[in-house]
Protein backbone atom coordinates (compact mmCIF):
# COMPACT_ATOMS: atom_id res chain seq x y z
CA MET A 1 111.71 19.31 -25.95
CA ILE A 2 108.33 18.84 -24.90
CA ASP A 3 105.77 18.63 -27.64
CA THR A 4 103.16 21.19 -26.57
CA SER A 5 101.32 20.66 -30.08
CA HIS A 6 99.87 17.85 -29.47
CA TRP A 7 98.40 19.01 -25.74
CA VAL A 8 97.10 22.12 -27.18
CA GLU A 9 95.20 19.98 -29.70
CA VAL A 10 93.62 17.41 -27.07
CA ALA A 11 92.87 20.55 -24.96
CA THR A 12 91.68 22.75 -27.80
CA ASN A 13 89.27 19.43 -28.53
CA ILE A 14 88.17 18.83 -25.21
CA GLY A 15 87.33 22.71 -25.00
CA LEU A 16 85.27 22.37 -27.88
CA GLN A 17 83.36 19.27 -26.45
CA VAL A 18 82.78 21.24 -23.26
CA ALA A 19 81.42 24.45 -25.34
CA GLY A 20 79.03 21.89 -27.61
CA ALA A 21 77.46 20.23 -24.38
CA ILE A 22 77.10 23.93 -23.30
CA VAL A 23 75.34 24.82 -26.28
CA LEU A 24 73.68 21.56 -26.52
CA TYR A 25 72.37 21.96 -23.11
CA MET A 26 71.10 25.28 -23.44
CA ILE A 27 69.83 24.30 -26.65
CA GLY A 28 67.95 21.55 -24.80
CA ARG A 29 66.72 23.38 -22.03
CA TRP A 30 64.98 25.82 -24.30
CA LEU A 31 63.32 23.40 -26.32
CA ILE A 32 62.21 21.57 -23.32
CA SER A 33 60.70 24.71 -22.00
CA PHE A 34 59.05 25.42 -25.18
CA ALA A 35 57.67 21.90 -25.39
CA VAL A 36 55.87 22.30 -21.81
CA ASN A 37 54.31 25.59 -22.91
CA MET A 38 52.90 24.69 -26.08
CA LEU A 39 51.58 21.51 -24.28
CA GLY A 40 49.71 24.21 -21.40
CA ARG A 41 48.72 26.26 -24.58
CA VAL A 42 46.99 22.83 -26.14
CA LEU A 43 46.07 21.35 -22.93
CA THR A 44 44.29 25.20 -22.26
CA ALA A 45 42.73 25.57 -25.68
CA ARG A 46 41.23 21.71 -25.29
CA ASN A 47 39.72 23.14 -22.13
CA PHE A 48 41.73 20.66 -19.87
CA ASP A 49 41.18 21.17 -15.82
CA PRO A 50 44.44 23.03 -14.36
CA THR A 51 45.29 20.61 -11.78
CA LEU A 52 46.07 18.18 -14.66
CA GLN A 53 47.53 20.78 -16.79
CA ARG A 54 50.47 20.69 -14.28
CA TYR A 55 50.35 17.49 -13.10
CA ILE A 56 51.29 16.34 -17.14
CA ALA A 57 53.40 19.25 -18.03
CA ASN A 58 55.54 18.22 -14.80
CA ILE A 59 56.44 14.51 -16.08
CA LEU A 60 56.43 15.88 -19.71
CA ALA A 61 59.49 17.97 -18.02
CA VAL A 62 61.02 15.16 -16.26
CA VAL A 63 60.98 12.88 -19.01
CA LEU A 64 62.87 15.33 -21.67
CA ASN A 65 65.28 16.25 -19.20
CA ILE A 66 66.20 12.87 -18.79
CA VAL A 67 66.60 12.36 -22.63
CA LEU A 68 68.59 15.63 -22.27
CA VAL A 69 71.17 14.14 -19.98
CA VAL A 70 71.42 10.97 -22.40
CA ALA A 71 71.83 13.26 -25.31
CA ILE A 72 74.76 14.74 -23.71
CA LEU A 73 76.62 11.88 -22.01
CA GLY A 74 76.12 10.49 -25.74
CA TYR A 75 77.93 13.27 -27.18
CA PHE A 76 80.66 12.84 -25.01
CA GLY A 77 81.01 9.28 -26.44
CA VAL A 78 79.32 7.27 -23.45
CA GLU A 79 77.54 4.28 -24.58
CA THR A 80 74.15 4.99 -23.80
CA THR A 81 72.57 1.98 -24.13
CA SER A 82 75.09 1.00 -21.16
CA PHE A 83 73.64 4.03 -19.41
CA ALA A 84 70.01 3.44 -20.01
CA ALA A 85 70.89 0.03 -18.44
CA LEU A 86 72.86 1.68 -15.46
CA LEU A 87 70.14 4.45 -15.04
CA ALA A 88 67.35 1.74 -14.76
CA GLY A 89 69.29 -0.15 -12.25
CA VAL A 90 69.89 3.03 -10.21
CA GLY A 91 66.10 3.31 -10.61
CA LEU A 92 65.42 0.45 -8.76
CA ALA A 93 67.84 0.77 -5.94
CA ILE A 94 66.49 4.46 -5.28
CA GLY A 95 63.19 3.27 -5.88
CA ALA A 96 63.70 0.72 -2.86
CA ALA A 97 65.28 3.28 -0.77
CA TRP A 98 62.92 6.00 -1.77
CA SER A 99 59.64 4.09 -1.45
CA GLY A 100 57.95 7.06 0.14
CA LEU A 101 58.76 9.01 -2.55
CA LEU A 102 57.26 6.52 -5.09
CA GLY A 103 54.23 6.38 -2.62
CA ASN A 104 53.99 10.45 -3.08
CA PHE A 105 54.04 9.46 -6.99
CA ALA A 106 51.56 7.16 -6.65
CA ALA A 107 49.30 9.06 -4.28
CA GLY A 108 49.68 11.68 -6.60
CA ALA A 109 48.40 10.10 -9.76
CA PHE A 110 45.05 8.76 -7.84
CA LEU A 111 44.45 12.44 -6.50
CA ILE A 112 44.57 13.65 -10.29
CA ILE A 113 42.13 10.50 -10.96
CA PHE A 114 39.55 10.36 -8.28
CA ARG A 115 39.91 14.32 -7.86
CA PRO A 116 38.99 15.34 -4.16
CA TYR A 117 40.06 18.91 -4.69
CA LYS A 118 41.53 21.03 -7.34
CA VAL A 119 44.02 23.91 -8.10
CA GLY A 120 42.25 26.92 -6.32
CA ASP A 121 39.87 24.41 -3.45
CA TYR A 122 40.16 25.31 -0.22
CA ILE A 123 41.39 22.57 2.14
CA ALA A 124 42.32 20.58 5.33
CA ALA A 125 44.67 17.79 4.49
CA GLY A 126 47.52 16.32 6.13
CA GLY A 127 47.19 18.76 9.35
CA ILE A 128 47.20 21.54 7.07
CA GLN A 129 44.85 24.46 6.10
CA GLY A 130 45.13 26.54 3.07
CA THR A 131 44.40 26.93 -0.79
CA VAL A 132 45.78 24.73 -3.18
CA THR A 133 48.25 26.05 -6.09
CA GLU A 134 49.90 23.41 -7.31
CA ILE A 135 49.46 19.58 -7.10
CA GLY A 136 52.96 17.95 -8.40
CA LEU A 137 54.40 14.94 -8.81
CA PHE A 138 55.29 14.18 -5.08
CA ASN A 139 53.83 16.73 -3.62
CA THR A 140 50.64 19.49 -3.16
CA VAL A 141 51.60 22.93 -2.56
CA LEU A 142 48.92 24.77 -0.10
CA THR A 143 49.17 28.85 0.52
CA ALA A 144 47.96 29.11 4.25
CA PRO A 145 45.41 32.12 5.29
CA ASP A 146 48.28 33.68 6.44
CA ASN A 147 50.18 33.16 3.08
CA VAL A 148 52.83 30.67 3.76
CA GLN A 149 53.68 28.56 1.45
CA THR A 150 53.33 24.72 2.79
CA ILE A 151 54.09 21.75 0.38
CA VAL A 152 52.82 18.05 1.64
CA GLY A 153 53.46 14.91 0.46
CA ASN A 154 50.61 13.24 -1.62
CA GLY A 155 51.11 10.33 0.18
CA LYS A 156 50.46 11.84 3.69
CA ILE A 157 47.52 13.47 2.21
CA SER A 158 46.17 10.57 1.17
CA ALA A 159 46.78 8.79 3.81
CA GLU A 160 44.86 11.23 5.82
CA ILE A 161 41.27 12.55 5.99
CA ILE A 162 40.67 15.63 3.54
CA SER A 163 38.25 18.19 3.99
CA ASN A 164 37.54 20.41 0.97
CA TYR A 165 35.66 23.68 1.85
CA SER A 166 35.18 24.96 -1.48
CA HIS A 167 33.33 21.58 -2.89
CA PHE A 168 29.93 23.36 -2.50
CA PRO A 169 28.87 26.84 -3.28
CA TYR A 170 28.63 28.17 0.89
CA ARG A 171 29.71 27.42 3.72
CA ARG A 172 28.80 28.36 7.45
CA VAL A 173 30.30 30.64 9.52
CA GLU A 174 30.04 29.15 13.54
CA ARG A 175 30.27 32.17 16.09
CA THR A 176 28.88 31.94 19.44
CA ALA A 177 27.01 35.11 21.52
CA GLN A 178 27.15 35.03 24.90
CA LEU A 179 24.06 36.76 27.05
CA ALA A 180 23.80 37.54 30.39
CA PHE A 181 20.94 37.01 32.82
CA GLY A 182 18.14 39.01 32.26
CA VAL A 183 18.61 39.79 28.65
CA ASP A 184 15.40 38.77 26.55
CA PRO A 185 17.10 36.11 24.09
CA LEU A 186 13.96 36.64 21.94
CA ASP A 187 15.02 40.19 21.32
CA ALA A 188 18.50 39.77 20.71
CA ILE A 189 18.10 36.87 18.20
CA ALA A 190 15.61 39.43 16.30
CA ARG A 191 18.69 42.23 16.22
CA LEU A 192 21.04 39.56 15.72
CA LYS A 193 19.14 38.61 12.28
CA THR A 194 18.64 41.88 10.91
CA ALA A 195 22.41 42.93 11.68
CA LEU A 196 23.39 40.17 9.85
CA SER A 197 21.88 40.62 7.05
CA GLY A 198 23.57 43.96 6.27
CA ILE A 199 26.78 41.94 6.52
CA ASP A 200 28.90 42.37 2.89
CA ASN A 201 28.74 38.61 1.41
CA VAL A 202 26.31 37.16 3.76
CA LEU A 203 23.87 34.55 1.81
CA VAL A 204 20.42 35.65 1.90
CA ASP A 205 19.92 32.06 1.19
CA PRO A 206 19.83 30.27 3.40
CA ALA A 207 19.45 33.13 5.89
CA PRO A 208 21.20 33.24 8.92
CA ASP A 209 20.58 31.22 11.81
CA VAL A 210 20.56 32.81 15.15
CA GLU A 211 19.06 30.36 17.96
CA ILE A 212 19.48 29.55 21.47
CA LEU A 213 22.01 27.16 22.02
CA ASP A 214 22.64 26.43 25.33
CA PHE A 215 22.70 27.85 29.22
CA ASN A 216 25.13 28.39 31.13
CA ALA A 217 26.52 29.69 34.49
CA LEU A 218 26.60 33.45 32.93
CA GLY A 219 23.22 33.25 31.10
CA THR A 220 21.69 32.34 27.53
CA VAL A 221 24.31 31.42 24.97
CA LEU A 222 23.03 31.83 21.30
CA ALA A 223 24.15 30.24 18.10
CA VAL A 224 24.90 33.04 15.47
CA ARG A 225 25.68 31.37 11.81
CA PRO A 226 25.80 32.86 8.78
CA TYR A 227 26.62 31.40 5.46
CA CYS A 228 28.90 32.85 2.60
CA HIS A 229 31.37 31.65 0.34
CA THR A 230 34.56 30.13 1.25
CA ASP A 231 36.20 33.11 -0.20
CA HIS A 232 34.49 35.50 2.24
CA TYR A 233 34.73 33.06 5.47
CA TRP A 234 37.26 35.60 7.40
CA GLN A 235 35.62 38.49 6.43
CA VAL A 236 32.32 37.30 7.23
CA PHE A 237 33.48 36.02 10.81
CA PHE A 238 35.25 39.05 11.70
CA ASP A 239 32.31 41.32 10.59
CA THR A 240 30.12 38.72 12.65
CA ASN A 241 32.13 39.27 15.91
CA ARG A 242 31.64 43.57 15.18
CA VAL A 243 27.98 42.99 14.80
CA ILE A 244 27.87 40.87 18.08
CA ALA A 245 29.44 43.19 19.76
CA ALA A 246 27.77 46.24 18.09
CA VAL A 247 24.02 44.70 18.97
CA GLY A 248 25.01 44.07 22.66
CA LYS A 249 25.92 47.89 22.88
CA GLU A 250 23.43 49.32 20.88
CA ALA A 251 20.60 47.18 22.59
CA GLY A 252 22.16 48.15 26.45
CA TYR A 253 22.70 44.47 27.30
CA ALA A 254 24.69 44.12 30.85
CA PRO A 255 27.84 42.34 30.23
CA PRO A 256 27.48 38.30 31.80
CA PHE A 257 29.38 37.71 34.81
CA ILE A 258 28.96 35.08 37.48
CA ILE A 259 26.42 35.51 39.85
CA GLU A 260 27.96 33.94 43.05
CA ALA A 261 25.47 32.52 45.36
CA LYS A 262 25.79 34.66 49.17
CA ARG A 263 27.06 32.67 51.94
CA SER A 264 24.28 32.52 54.62
CA GLU A 265 25.98 33.90 58.11
CA VAL A 266 25.81 31.48 60.96
């Protein structure tokens, strides 16, 4: 007869080990989450920058997860010292294969140190524009104006030009107004300046600029440039377009059109 008691004992031991490992994993994950949250609270209480907080929290989470994996392997009887050496060797191999990933990690460290932007800033970098929602270990997460989340490698951002639209307290909205021949540009400038001052969130200082920008085949081109905070840019942008159209209608300006030269009859 087959001695089933031995196999039942082995299966029971394996089952208990697996159950213990699952419990250890769940407790470990809870402790990691608790530690990361506590670190966040401590950094917040010490008025650390939100960008730096998330970066440090990500590093702590990665380190603690590695420790948890090693602990679970040790629970199963795996020699952790050998595993540590193996992990180091694998790390070197992965590092050689994923040099770009390590480059993103290094670039992220430099972004934290030199701080060309922070969480909440509106930037243009890596060919993408958006509000910075997170600076991670390897990537920066942006939310575009159309509410699309975009993830860009830190290496790509640091290697290209970064435009931070939130660095200064205000920015300029660039619009133009095309006038027809016969329309007095000085009258249009006065009307537009008055109308622009009535737009919500347009700054009084500096005051909106309305000047003659150029002349073309249609007539005079005006530069229309109100100033506002970055958070109100698109609202002011579209309201300025509406003001330009409304001023032309109220003043009775003729629509611009190309004057064609008459051909002389032979």
